[in-house]
Amino acid sequence: MIISASYRTDIPAFYGDWFLARLREGMVRVRNPYNARQVSEIALTPEAVDGFVFWTRNVTPFLPVLEEVAARGFPFVVQHTVLGYPRSLDRAVVAPERAVAALHRVAERFGPASVVWRYDPVVFSSLTPPDWHRDAFGRLADAMAGATDEVVASLLQVYRKTARNMAAAAARHGFTWDDPPEAAKAALLRDLSALAADNGLRLTLCGQPALAAMADLPESACVDAGRLSTIAGRPLAALNRPHRKTCACAESRDIGAYDTCPHGCAYCYAVRSPDLGRIHHKAHDVGASWL
């Protein structure tokens, strides 16, 4: 079993102590996000867990935890988003230069295979038009060279929560945003792919197979059993049973909870509102068996 920690919240940035306590106890409980009365208990022992995938905007607070994860013999991959968006979109994430420096530290300590850079979601707005993305992505790709071999992109998918949060941020900060035609998205992705290749990186696209075909890009497997197998030095018995139909990931269990991330990103799909994420983070009990 592969453990995802977590696409529902940022465990490395905000809940590292809680995760470490769960790891040492050897179990975690997870509430069904669609039925809070349904609770699952998941073992976090070497016998039960093939590896971890950590999703974050700030790995620095989690570096000591990664040391213990490795010492316990678990392979892991850090899926780290670095965008460099204006503060109107990314209110509280760490500066991109700090994030890049931390990823180089992870790569030097655990190997470049343990790092995947995420440039997602790609937001089309008056603050971040296509040429802004070309320039920002090119500078980040240059800085990331040597820390990883893959950058995962995705274009903003406008879920109900995303649209509500983006509309609120746009009204507050005075920008506009849109969802352009697929041809415009594919053209930008082809340019980003070339910039990535110039720096020894392979650009893959997450969860949008039709757009990947249009842009002539490979689909990403963010929960990548092959990458984890390489890190572990042994094959993993993971199944290709992703959590959504458009996903190429291996099967995993996510141990996070929605509405618990206080980063406040304007485009977030995982919180109903930035205020709610901050409230739940403040109320968090590090000794609880679930988030």
C-alpha atoms as a PDB file:
ATOM      1  CA  MET A   1       0.000   0.000   0.000  1.00  0.00           C
ATOM      2  CA  ILE A   2       1.216   3.502  -0.883  1.00  0.00           C
ATOM      3  CA  ILE A   3       0.299   6.299   1.516  1.00  0.00           C
ATOM      4  CA  SER A   4      -0.534   9.718   0.102  1.00  0.00           C
ATOM      5  CA  ALA A   5       0.102  12.553   2.562  1.00  0.00           C
ATOM      6  CA  SER A   6      -1.779  14.402   1.283  1.00  0.00           C
ATOM      7  CA  TYR A   7      -3.600  15.869  -1.696  1.00  0.00           C
ATOM      8  CA  ARG A   8      -6.324  17.017   0.733  1.00  0.00           C
ATOM      9  CA  THR A   9      -4.042  19.273   2.794  1.00  0.00           C
ATOM     10  CA  ASP A  10      -0.390  20.193   3.323  1.00  0.00           C
ATOM     11  CA  ILE A  11       0.849  17.736   5.956  1.00  0.00           C
ATOM     12  CA  PRO A  12       4.591  18.498   5.548  1.00  0.00           C
ATOM     13  CA  ALA A  13       4.100  22.255   5.977  1.00  0.00           C
ATOM     14  CA  PHE A  14       1.601  22.235   8.854  1.00  0.00           C
ATOM     15  CA  TYR A  15       1.143  18.785  10.382  1.00  0.00           C
ATOM     16  CA  GLY A  16       4.610  17.237  10.527  1.00  0.00           C
ATOM     17  CA  ASP A  17       4.521  16.629  14.293  1.00  0.00           C
ATOM     18  CA  TRP A  18       1.151  14.936  13.974  1.00  0.00           C
ATOM     19  CA  PHE A  19       2.387  12.721  11.126  1.00  0.00           C
ATOM     20  CA  LEU A  20       5.500  11.735  13.071  1.00  0.00           C
ATOM     21  CA  ALA A  21       3.381  10.767  16.076  1.00  0.00           C
ATOM     22  CA  ARG A  22       1.187   8.631  13.822  1.00  0.00           C
ATOM     23  CA  LEU A  23       4.238   7.013  12.220  1.00  0.00           C
ATOM     24  CA  ARG A  24       5.715   6.124  15.601  1.00  0.00           C
ATOM     25  CA  GLU A  25       2.425   4.668  16.792  1.00  0.00           C
ATOM     26  CA  GLY A  26       2.112   2.721  13.552  1.00  0.00           C
ATOM     27  CA  MET A  27      -1.433   3.722  12.652  1.00  0.00           C
ATOM     28  CA  VAL A  28      -3.661   6.596  11.583  1.00  0.00           C
ATOM     29  CA  ARG A  29      -7.420   7.055  11.376  1.00  0.00           C
ATOM     30  CA  VAL A  30      -9.058   8.777   8.428  1.00  0.00           C
ATOM     31  CA  ARG A  31     -12.579  10.106   8.195  1.00  0.00           C
ATOM     32  CA  ASN A  32     -14.432   9.607   4.924  1.00  0.00           C
ATOM     33  CA  PRO A  33     -14.612  13.145   3.505  1.00  0.00           C
ATOM     34  CA  TYR A  34     -18.157  12.487   2.298  1.00  0.00           C
ATOM     35  CA  ASN A  35     -19.408  10.695   5.418  1.00  0.00           C
ATOM     36  CA  ALA A  36     -17.705  11.881   8.626  1.00  0.00           C
ATOM     37  CA  ARG A  37     -19.200   9.027  10.650  1.00  0.00           C
ATOM     38  CA  GLN A  38     -17.257   6.513   8.566  1.00  0.00           C
ATOM     39  CA  VAL A  39     -13.721   6.168   9.959  1.00  0.00           C
ATOM     40  CA  SER A  40     -10.984   3.884   8.629  1.00  0.00           C
ATOM     41  CA  GLU A  41      -7.886   2.765  10.502  1.00  0.00           C
ATOM     42  CA  ILE A  42      -4.764   2.498   8.350  1.00  0.00           C
ATOM     43  CA  ALA A  43      -1.557   0.791   9.455  1.00  0.00           C
ATOM     44  CA  LEU A  44       1.682   2.751   9.009  1.00  0.00           C
ATOM     45  CA  THR A  45       4.058  -0.141   9.625  1.00  0.00           C
ATOM     46  CA  PRO A  46       6.822  -1.399   7.297  1.00  0.00           C
ATOM     47  CA  GLU A  47       4.766  -4.547   6.724  1.00  0.00           C
ATOM     48  CA  ALA A  48       1.761  -2.531   5.514  1.00  0.00           C
ATOM     49  CA  VAL A  49       3.293   0.463   3.725  1.00  0.00           C
ATOM     50  CA  ASP A  50       5.266   0.235   0.468  1.00  0.00           C
ATOM     51  CA  GLY A  51       6.127   3.924   0.451  1.00  0.00           C
ATOM     52  CA  PHE A  52       4.935   7.492   0.944  1.00  0.00           C
ATOM     53  CA  VAL A  53       4.095  10.334  -1.407  1.00  0.00           C
ATOM     54  CA  PHE A  54       4.252  13.717   0.349  1.00  0.00           C
ATOM     55  CA  TRP A  55       2.508  16.717  -1.240  1.00  0.00           C
ATOM     56  CA  THR A  56       3.543  20.185  -0.096  1.00  0.00           C
ATOM     57  CA  ARG A  57       4.231  23.849  -0.754  1.00  0.00           C
ATOM     58  CA  ASN A  58       6.913  23.979   1.970  1.00  0.00           C
ATOM     59  CA  VAL A  59       9.029  20.924   2.777  1.00  0.00           C
ATOM     60  CA  THR A  60      11.460  22.739   5.110  1.00  0.00           C
ATOM     61  CA  PRO A  61       9.599  22.056   8.411  1.00  0.00           C
ATOM     62  CA  PHE A  62       9.345  18.411   7.373  1.00  0.00           C
ATOM     63  CA  LEU A  63      13.043  17.753   6.740  1.00  0.00           C
ATOM     64  CA  PRO A  64      13.631  16.123  10.180  1.00  0.00           C
ATOM     65  CA  VAL A  65      10.584  13.921   9.608  1.00  0.00           C
ATOM     66  CA  LEU A  66      11.972  12.756   6.260  1.00  0.00           C
ATOM     67  CA  GLU A  67      15.109  11.657   8.087  1.00  0.00           C
ATOM     68  CA  GLU A  68      13.042   9.397  10.338  1.00  0.00           C
ATOM     69  CA  VAL A  69      10.914   8.112   7.452  1.00  0.00           C
ATOM     70  CA  ALA A  70      14.121   7.101   5.645  1.00  0.00           C
ATOM     71  CA  ALA A  71      15.666   5.635   8.805  1.00  0.00           C
ATOM     72  CA  ARG A  72      12.618   3.393   9.176  1.00  0.00           C
ATOM     73  CA  GLY A  73      13.244   2.041   5.670  1.00  0.00           C
ATOM     74  CA  PHE A  74      10.328   3.657   3.825  1.00  0.00           C
ATOM     75  CA  PRO A  75      10.909   4.972   0.303  1.00  0.00           C
ATOM     76  CA  PHE A  76       9.253   8.314  -0.354  1.00  0.00           C
ATOM     77  CA  VAL A  77       8.704  10.970  -2.990  1.00  0.00           C
ATOM     78  CA  VAL A  78       8.155  14.658  -2.297  1.00  0.00           C
ATOM     79  CA  GLN A  79       5.696  16.243  -4.741  1.00  0.00           C
ATOM     80  CA  HIS A  80       6.480  19.931  -4.212  1.00  0.00           C
ATOM     81  CA  THR A  81       4.575  22.806  -5.819  1.00  0.00           C
ATOM     82  CA  VAL A  82       6.652  25.879  -6.722  1.00  0.00           C
ATOM     83  CA  LEU A  83       4.934  28.592  -8.774  1.00  0.00           C
ATOM     84  CA  GLY A  84       6.081  32.068  -7.777  1.00  0.00           C
ATOM     85  CA  TYR A  85       2.595  33.529  -8.203  1.00  0.00           C
ATOM     86  CA  PRO A  86       1.742  37.052  -7.017  1.00  0.00           C
ATOM     87  CA  ARG A  87       0.467  37.320  -3.445  1.00  0.00           C
ATOM     88  CA  SER A  88      -3.053  38.005  -4.716  1.00  0.00           C
ATOM     89  CA  LEU A  89      -3.111  34.340  -5.780  1.00  0.00           C
ATOM     90  CA  ASP A  90      -0.674  32.773  -3.286  1.00  0.00           C
ATOM     91  CA  ARG A  91      -1.137  34.673  -0.075  1.00  0.00           C
ATOM     92  CA  ALA A  92       1.056  32.722   2.334  1.00  0.00           C
ATOM     93  CA  VAL A  93       3.336  30.230   0.555  1.00  0.00           C
ATOM     94  CA  VAL A  94       7.107  30.428   0.948  1.00  0.00           C
ATOM     95  CA  ALA A  95       9.119  32.394  -1.596  1.00  0.00           C
ATOM     96  CA  PRO A  96      10.106  30.282  -4.616  1.00  0.00           C
ATOM     97  CA  GLU A  97      13.837  30.685  -4.012  1.00  0.00           C
ATOM     98  CA  ARG A  98      13.421  29.207  -0.511  1.00  0.00           C
ATOM     99  CA  ALA A  99      11.371  26.319  -1.854  1.00  0.00           C
ATOM    100  CA  VAL A 100      13.902  25.565  -4.591  1.00  0.00           C
ATOM    101  CA  ALA A 101      16.768  25.637  -2.098  1.00  0.00           C
ATOM    102  CA  ALA A 102      14.923  23.172   0.152  1.00  0.00           C
ATOM    103  CA  LEU A 103      14.323  20.800  -2.759  1.00  0.00           C
ATOM    104  CA  HIS A 104      18.013  20.830  -3.625  1.00  0.00           C
ATOM    105  CA  ARG A 105      18.669  19.869   0.003  1.00  0.00           C
ATOM    106  CA  VAL A 106      16.254  16.942  -0.276  1.00  0.00           C
ATOM    107  CA  ALA A 107      17.818  15.820  -3.560  1.00  0.00           C
ATOM    108  CA  GLU A 108      21.350  16.018  -2.156  1.00  0.00           C
ATOM    109  CA  ARG A 109      20.373  14.042   0.944  1.00  0.00           C
ATOM    110  CA  PHE A 110      18.023  11.430  -0.524  1.00  0.00           C
ATOM    111  CA  GLY A 111      18.676  11.545  -4.273  1.00  0.00           C
ATOM    112  CA  PRO A 112      16.976  13.453  -7.115  1.00  0.00           C
ATOM    113  CA  ALA A 113      14.503  10.587  -7.662  1.00  0.00           C
ATOM    114  CA  SER A 114      12.882  11.554  -4.363  1.00  0.00           C
ATOM    115  CA  VAL A 115      11.843  14.989  -5.681  1.00  0.00           C
ATOM    116  CA  VAL A 116       9.172  15.926  -8.225  1.00  0.00           C
ATOM    117  CA  TRP A 117       8.546  19.598  -8.966  1.00  0.00           C
ATOM    118  CA  ARG A 118       4.908  20.562  -9.501  1.00  0.00           C
ATOM    119  CA  TYR A 119       3.979  23.589 -11.588  1.00  0.00           C
ATOM    120  CA  ASP A 120       0.289  23.409 -10.933  1.00  0.00           C
ATOM    121  CA  PRO A 121      -2.271  24.632 -11.264  1.00  0.00           C
ATOM    122  CA  VAL A 122      -1.536  26.889 -14.211  1.00  0.00           C
ATOM    123  CA  VAL A 123      -3.877  29.850 -13.628  1.00  0.00           C
ATOM    124  CA  PHE A 124      -4.752  32.147 -16.526  1.00  0.00           C
ATOM    125  CA  SER A 125      -5.393  35.607 -15.152  1.00  0.00           C
ATOM    126  CA  SER A 126      -4.624  39.253 -15.755  1.00  0.00           C
ATOM    127  CA  LEU A 127      -1.775  38.767 -13.257  1.00  0.00           C
ATOM    128  CA  THR A 128      -0.485  35.565 -14.872  1.00  0.00           C
ATOM    129  CA  PRO A 129      -1.077  35.606 -18.652  1.00  0.00           C
ATOM    130  CA  PRO A 130       0.662  33.039 -20.873  1.00  0.00           C
ATOM    131  CA  ASP A 131       3.835  35.095 -21.325  1.00  0.00           C
ATOM    132  CA  TRP A 132       4.103  35.483 -17.542  1.00  0.00           C
ATOM    133  CA  HIS A 133       4.051  31.678 -17.248  1.00  0.00           C
ATOM    134  CA  ARG A 134       6.699  31.262 -19.930  1.00  0.00           C
ATOM    135  CA  ASP A 135       9.029  33.653 -18.132  1.00  0.00           C
ATOM    136  CA  ALA A 136       8.353  32.368 -14.588  1.00  0.00           C
ATOM    137  CA  PHE A 137       8.530  28.704 -15.577  1.00  0.00           C
ATOM    138  CA  GLY A 138      11.787  29.223 -17.475  1.00  0.00           C
ATOM    139  CA  ARG A 139      13.454  30.855 -14.471  1.00  0.00           C
ATOM    140  CA  LEU A 140      12.202  28.154 -12.095  1.00  0.00           C
ATOM    141  CA  ALA A 141      13.255  25.344 -14.458  1.00  0.00           C
ATOM    142  CA  ASP A 142      16.752  26.800 -14.568  1.00  0.00           C
ATOM    143  CA  ALA A 143      16.864  26.960 -10.761  1.00  0.00           C
ATOM    144  CA  MET A 144      15.471  23.423 -10.358  1.00  0.00           C
ATOM    145  CA  ALA A 145      17.990  21.782 -12.689  1.00  0.00           C
ATOM    146  CA  GLY A 146      19.768  18.950 -10.902  1.00  0.00           C
ATOM    147  CA  ALA A 147      17.196  18.626  -8.100  1.00  0.00           C
ATOM    148  CA  THR A 148      14.791  16.403 -10.061  1.00  0.00           C
ATOM    149  CA  ASP A 149      14.129  14.931 -13.477  1.00  0.00           C
ATOM    150  CA  GLU A 150      10.374  15.642 -13.705  1.00  0.00           C
ATOM    151  CA  VAL A 151       8.024  18.601 -13.499  1.00  0.00           C
ATOM    152  CA  VAL A 152       4.297  17.921 -13.302  1.00  0.00           C
ATOM    153  CA  ALA A 153       1.901  20.509 -14.673  1.00  0.00           C
ATOM    154  CA  SER A 154      -1.849  20.803 -14.670  1.00  0.00           C
ATOM    155  CA  LEU A 155      -4.168  23.503 -15.917  1.00  0.00           C
ATOM    156  CA  LEU A 156      -6.639  24.992 -13.438  1.00  0.00           C
ATOM    157  CA  GLN A 157      -9.744  22.819 -13.242  1.00  0.00           C
ATOM    158  CA  VAL A 158     -12.666  24.948 -12.153  1.00  0.00           C
ATOM    159  CA  TYR A 159     -14.440  23.022  -9.415  1.00  0.00           C
ATOM    160  CA  ARG A 160     -17.235  24.778  -7.507  1.00  0.00           C
ATOM    161  CA  LYS A 161     -14.968  25.604  -4.558  1.00  0.00           C
ATOM    162  CA  THR A 162     -12.252  26.804  -6.936  1.00  0.00           C
ATOM    163  CA  ALA A 163     -14.606  29.156  -8.769  1.00  0.00           C
ATOM    164  CA  ARG A 164     -15.942  30.571  -5.504  1.00  0.00           C
ATOM    165  CA  ASN A 165     -12.479  31.167  -4.038  1.00  0.00           C
ATOM    166  CA  MET A 166     -11.109  32.646  -7.275  1.00  0.00           C
ATOM    167  CA  ALA A 167     -14.076  34.988  -7.623  1.00  0.00           C
ATOM    168  CA  ALA A 168     -13.619  36.212  -4.051  1.00  0.00           C
ATOM    169  CA  ALA A 169      -9.880  36.807  -4.535  1.00  0.00           C
ATOM    170  CA  ALA A 170     -10.442  38.564  -7.872  1.00  0.00           C
ATOM    171  CA  ALA A 171     -12.997  40.923  -6.329  1.00  0.00           C
ATOM    172  CA  ARG A 172     -10.732  41.624  -3.356  1.00  0.00           C
ATOM    173  CA  HIS A 173      -7.537  42.260  -5.342  1.00  0.00           C
ATOM    174  CA  GLY A 174      -8.875  43.626  -8.608  1.00  0.00           C
ATOM    175  CA  PHE A 175      -7.744  41.044 -11.144  1.00  0.00           C
ATOM    176  CA  THR A 176      -9.596  38.947 -13.707  1.00  0.00           C
ATOM    177  CA  TRP A 177      -9.242  35.286 -14.587  1.00  0.00           C
ATOM    178  CA  ASP A 178     -10.544  32.941 -17.251  1.00  0.00           C
ATOM    179  CA  ASP A 179     -10.502  29.411 -18.637  1.00  0.00           C
ATOM    180  CA  PRO A 180      -9.124  29.732 -22.191  1.00  0.00           C
ATOM    181  CA  PRO A 181      -9.707  27.341 -25.116  1.00  0.00           C
ATOM    182  CA  GLU A 182      -7.891  24.020 -25.125  1.00  0.00           C
ATOM    183  CA  ALA A 183      -5.757  25.053 -28.101  1.00  0.00           C
ATOM    184  CA  ALA A 184      -4.334  27.998 -26.140  1.00  0.00           C
ATOM    185  CA  LYS A 185      -3.592  25.736 -23.181  1.00  0.00           C
ATOM    186  CA  ALA A 186      -1.844  23.182 -25.401  1.00  0.00           C
ATOM    187  CA  ALA A 187       0.279  25.894 -27.035  1.00  0.00           C
ATOM    188  CA  LEU A 188       1.507  27.096 -23.636  1.00  0.00           C
ATOM    189  CA  LEU A 189       2.236  23.542 -22.489  1.00  0.00           C
ATOM    190  CA  ARG A 190       4.338  22.831 -25.573  1.00  0.00           C
ATOM    191  CA  ASP A 191       6.420  25.920 -24.799  1.00  0.00           C
ATOM    192  CA  LEU A 192       6.820  24.914 -21.148  1.00  0.00           C
ATOM    193  CA  SER A 193       7.860  21.419 -22.213  1.00  0.00           C
ATOM    194  CA  ALA A 194      10.655  22.874 -24.346  1.00  0.00           C
ATOM    195  CA  LEU A 195      11.835  25.066 -21.468  1.00  0.00           C
ATOM    196  CA  ALA A 196      11.834  22.042 -19.170  1.00  0.00           C
ATOM    197  CA  ALA A 197      13.835  19.958 -21.647  1.00  0.00           C
ATOM    198  CA  ASP A 198      16.448  22.728 -21.869  1.00  0.00           C
ATOM    199  CA  ASN A 199      17.107  22.097 -18.168  1.00  0.00           C
ATOM    200  CA  GLY A 200      17.091  18.300 -18.241  1.00  0.00           C
ATOM    201  CA  LEU A 201      13.498  18.007 -17.005  1.00  0.00           C
ATOM    202  CA  ARG A 202      10.597  16.023 -18.420  1.00  0.00           C
ATOM    203  CA  LEU A 203       7.243  17.823 -18.352  1.00  0.00           C
ATOM    204  CA  THR A 204       4.238  15.597 -17.668  1.00  0.00           C
ATOM    205  CA  LEU A 205       0.574  16.536 -17.360  1.00  0.00           C
ATOM    206  CA  CYS A 206      -1.604  15.555 -14.419  1.00  0.00           C
ATOM    207  CA  GLY A 207      -5.173  14.303 -14.783  1.00  0.00           C
ATOM    208  CA  GLN A 208      -5.953  15.818 -18.208  1.00  0.00           C
ATOM    209  CA  PRO A 209      -5.340  13.065 -20.784  1.00  0.00           C
ATOM    210  CA  ALA A 210      -7.109  14.756 -23.705  1.00  0.00           C
ATOM    211  CA  LEU A 211      -5.058  17.914 -23.254  1.00  0.00           C
ATOM    212  CA  ALA A 212      -1.889  15.835 -22.852  1.00  0.00           C
ATOM    213  CA  ALA A 213      -2.547  14.224 -26.229  1.00  0.00           C
ATOM    214  CA  MET A 214      -3.188  17.619 -27.823  1.00  0.00           C
ATOM    215  CA  ALA A 215       0.076  19.011 -26.427  1.00  0.00           C
ATOM    216  CA  ASP A 216       2.010  15.789 -27.161  1.00  0.00           C
ATOM    217  CA  LEU A 217       2.905  15.326 -23.491  1.00  0.00           C
ATOM    218  CA  PRO A 218       3.117  12.174 -21.374  1.00  0.00           C
ATOM    219  CA  GLU A 219       0.595  11.778 -18.576  1.00  0.00           C
ATOM    220  CA  SER A 220       2.000  12.007 -15.083  1.00  0.00           C
ATOM    221  CA  ALA A 221       1.658   9.345 -12.415  1.00  0.00           C
ATOM    222  CA  CYS A 222       1.930  11.485  -9.311  1.00  0.00           C
ATOM    223  CA  VAL A 223       1.614   8.398  -7.113  1.00  0.00           C
ATOM    224  CA  ASP A 224       4.316   6.622  -9.062  1.00  0.00           C
ATOM    225  CA  ALA A 225       4.980   3.016  -8.070  1.00  0.00           C
ATOM    226  CA  GLY A 226       7.843   2.849 -10.569  1.00  0.00           C
ATOM    227  CA  ARG A 227       9.645   5.810  -9.047  1.00  0.00           C
ATOM    228  CA  LEU A 228       9.128   4.445  -5.530  1.00  0.00           C
ATOM    229  CA  SER A 229      10.410   1.042  -6.667  1.00  0.00           C
ATOM    230  CA  THR A 230      13.577   2.660  -8.010  1.00  0.00           C
ATOM    231  CA  ILE A 231      14.136   4.466  -4.717  1.00  0.00           C
ATOM    232  CA  ALA A 232      13.415   1.327  -2.688  1.00  0.00           C
ATOM    233  CA  GLY A 233      15.582  -0.881  -4.898  1.00  0.00           C
ATOM    234  CA  ARG A 234      12.785  -3.444  -5.166  1.00  0.00           C
ATOM    235  CA  PRO A 235       9.505  -3.769  -7.062  1.00  0.00           C
ATOM    236  CA  LEU A 236       6.366  -2.606  -5.281  1.00  0.00           C
ATOM    237  CA  ALA A 237       3.153  -4.572  -5.515  1.00  0.00           C
ATOM    238  CA  ALA A 238       1.062  -1.463  -6.249  1.00  0.00           C
ATOM    239  CA  LEU A 239      -2.080  -1.581  -8.365  1.00  0.00           C
ATOM    240  CA  ASN A 240      -3.021   0.914 -11.053  1.00  0.00           C
ATOM    241  CA  ARG A 241      -6.281   1.833  -9.349  1.00  0.00           C
ATOM    242  CA  PRO A 242      -6.259   5.655  -9.086  1.00  0.00           C
ATOM    243  CA  HIS A 243      -8.703   7.814  -7.133  1.00  0.00           C
ATOM    244  CA  ARG A 244     -10.195   9.369 -10.278  1.00  0.00           C
ATOM    245  CA  LYS A 245     -10.824   8.102 -13.799  1.00  0.00           C
ATOM    246  CA  THR A 246      -8.554  10.612 -15.543  1.00  0.00           C
ATOM    247  CA  CYS A 247      -5.571   9.779 -13.319  1.00  0.00           C
ATOM    248  CA  ALA A 248      -2.578   7.559 -14.140  1.00  0.00           C
ATOM    249  CA  CYS A 249      -1.541   7.067 -10.517  1.00  0.00           C
ATOM    250  CA  ALA A 250      -1.036   3.817  -8.676  1.00  0.00           C
ATOM    251  CA  GLU A 251      -3.451   2.894  -5.912  1.00  0.00           C
ATOM    252  CA  SER A 252      -2.927   4.771  -2.647  1.00  0.00           C
ATOM    253  CA  ARG A 253      -4.611   5.704   0.621  1.00  0.00           C
ATOM    254  CA  ASP A 254      -4.781   9.373   1.508  1.00  0.00           C
ATOM    255  CA  ILE A 255      -4.511  10.236   5.194  1.00  0.00           C
ATOM    256  CA  GLY A 256      -5.312  13.954   5.080  1.00  0.00           C
ATOM    257  CA  ALA A 257      -8.515  15.962   5.519  1.00  0.00           C
ATOM    258  CA  TYR A 258     -10.112  18.705   3.471  1.00  0.00           C
ATOM    259  CA  ASP A 259     -10.605  22.224   4.883  1.00  0.00           C
ATOM    260  CA  THR A 260      -7.443  22.043   7.032  1.00  0.00           C
ATOM    261  CA  CYS A 261      -4.818  23.929   4.981  1.00  0.00           C
ATOM    262  CA  PRO A 262      -4.208  27.562   6.041  1.00  0.00           C
ATOM    263  CA  HIS A 263      -2.123  28.563   3.015  1.00  0.00           C
ATOM    264  CA  GLY A 264      -5.120  30.410   1.544  1.00  0.00           C
ATOM    265  CA  CYS A 265      -4.288  29.935  -2.153  1.00  0.00           C
ATOM    266  CA  ALA A 266      -6.968  31.632  -4.248  1.00  0.00           C
ATOM    267  CA  TYR A 267      -7.415  28.666  -6.606  1.00  0.00           C
ATOM    268  CA  CYS A 268      -7.546  25.907  -3.970  1.00  0.00           C
ATOM    269  CA  TYR A 269      -9.984  23.023  -4.467  1.00  0.00           C
ATOM    270  CA  ALA A 270      -9.339  21.482  -1.020  1.00  0.00           C
ATOM    271  CA  VAL A 271     -10.824  24.181   1.229  1.00  0.00           C
ATOM    272  CA  ARG A 272     -14.234  25.780   1.076  1.00  0.00           C
ATOM    273  CA  SER A 273     -12.740  29.100   2.189  1.00  0.00           C
ATOM    274  CA  PRO A 274      -9.330  30.326   3.390  1.00  0.00           C
ATOM    275  CA  ASP A 275     -10.841  31.307   6.747  1.00  0.00           C
ATOM    276  CA  LEU A 276     -12.099  27.774   7.334  1.00  0.00           C
ATOM    277  CA  GLY A 277      -8.651  26.321   6.630  1.00  0.00           C
ATOM    278  CA  ARG A 278      -7.089  28.632   9.209  1.00  0.00           C
ATOM    279  CA  ILE A 279      -9.777  27.879  11.814  1.00  0.00           C
ATOM    280  CA  HIS A 280      -9.346  24.116  11.501  1.00  0.00           C
ATOM    281  CA  HIS A 281      -5.556  24.370  11.558  1.00  0.00           C
ATOM    282  CA  LYS A 282      -5.667  26.432  14.751  1.00  0.00           C
ATOM    283  CA  ALA A 283      -8.008  23.894  16.377  1.00  0.00           C
ATOM    284  CA  HIS A 284      -5.864  20.898  15.413  1.00  0.00           C
ATOM    285  CA  ASP A 285      -4.877  18.424  18.156  1.00  0.00           C
ATOM    286  CA  VAL A 286      -1.404  17.025  17.464  1.00  0.00           C
ATOM    287  CA  GLY A 287      -2.229  14.000  19.623  1.00  0.00           C
ATOM    288  CA  ALA A 288      -5.365  13.038  17.726  1.00  0.00           C
ATOM    289  CA  SER A 289      -5.345   9.885  15.642  1.00  0.00           C
ATOM    290  CA  TRP A 290      -6.837  11.768  12.660  1.00  0.00           C
ATOM    291  CA  LEU A 291      -6.707  15.259  11.211  1.00  0.00           C
END
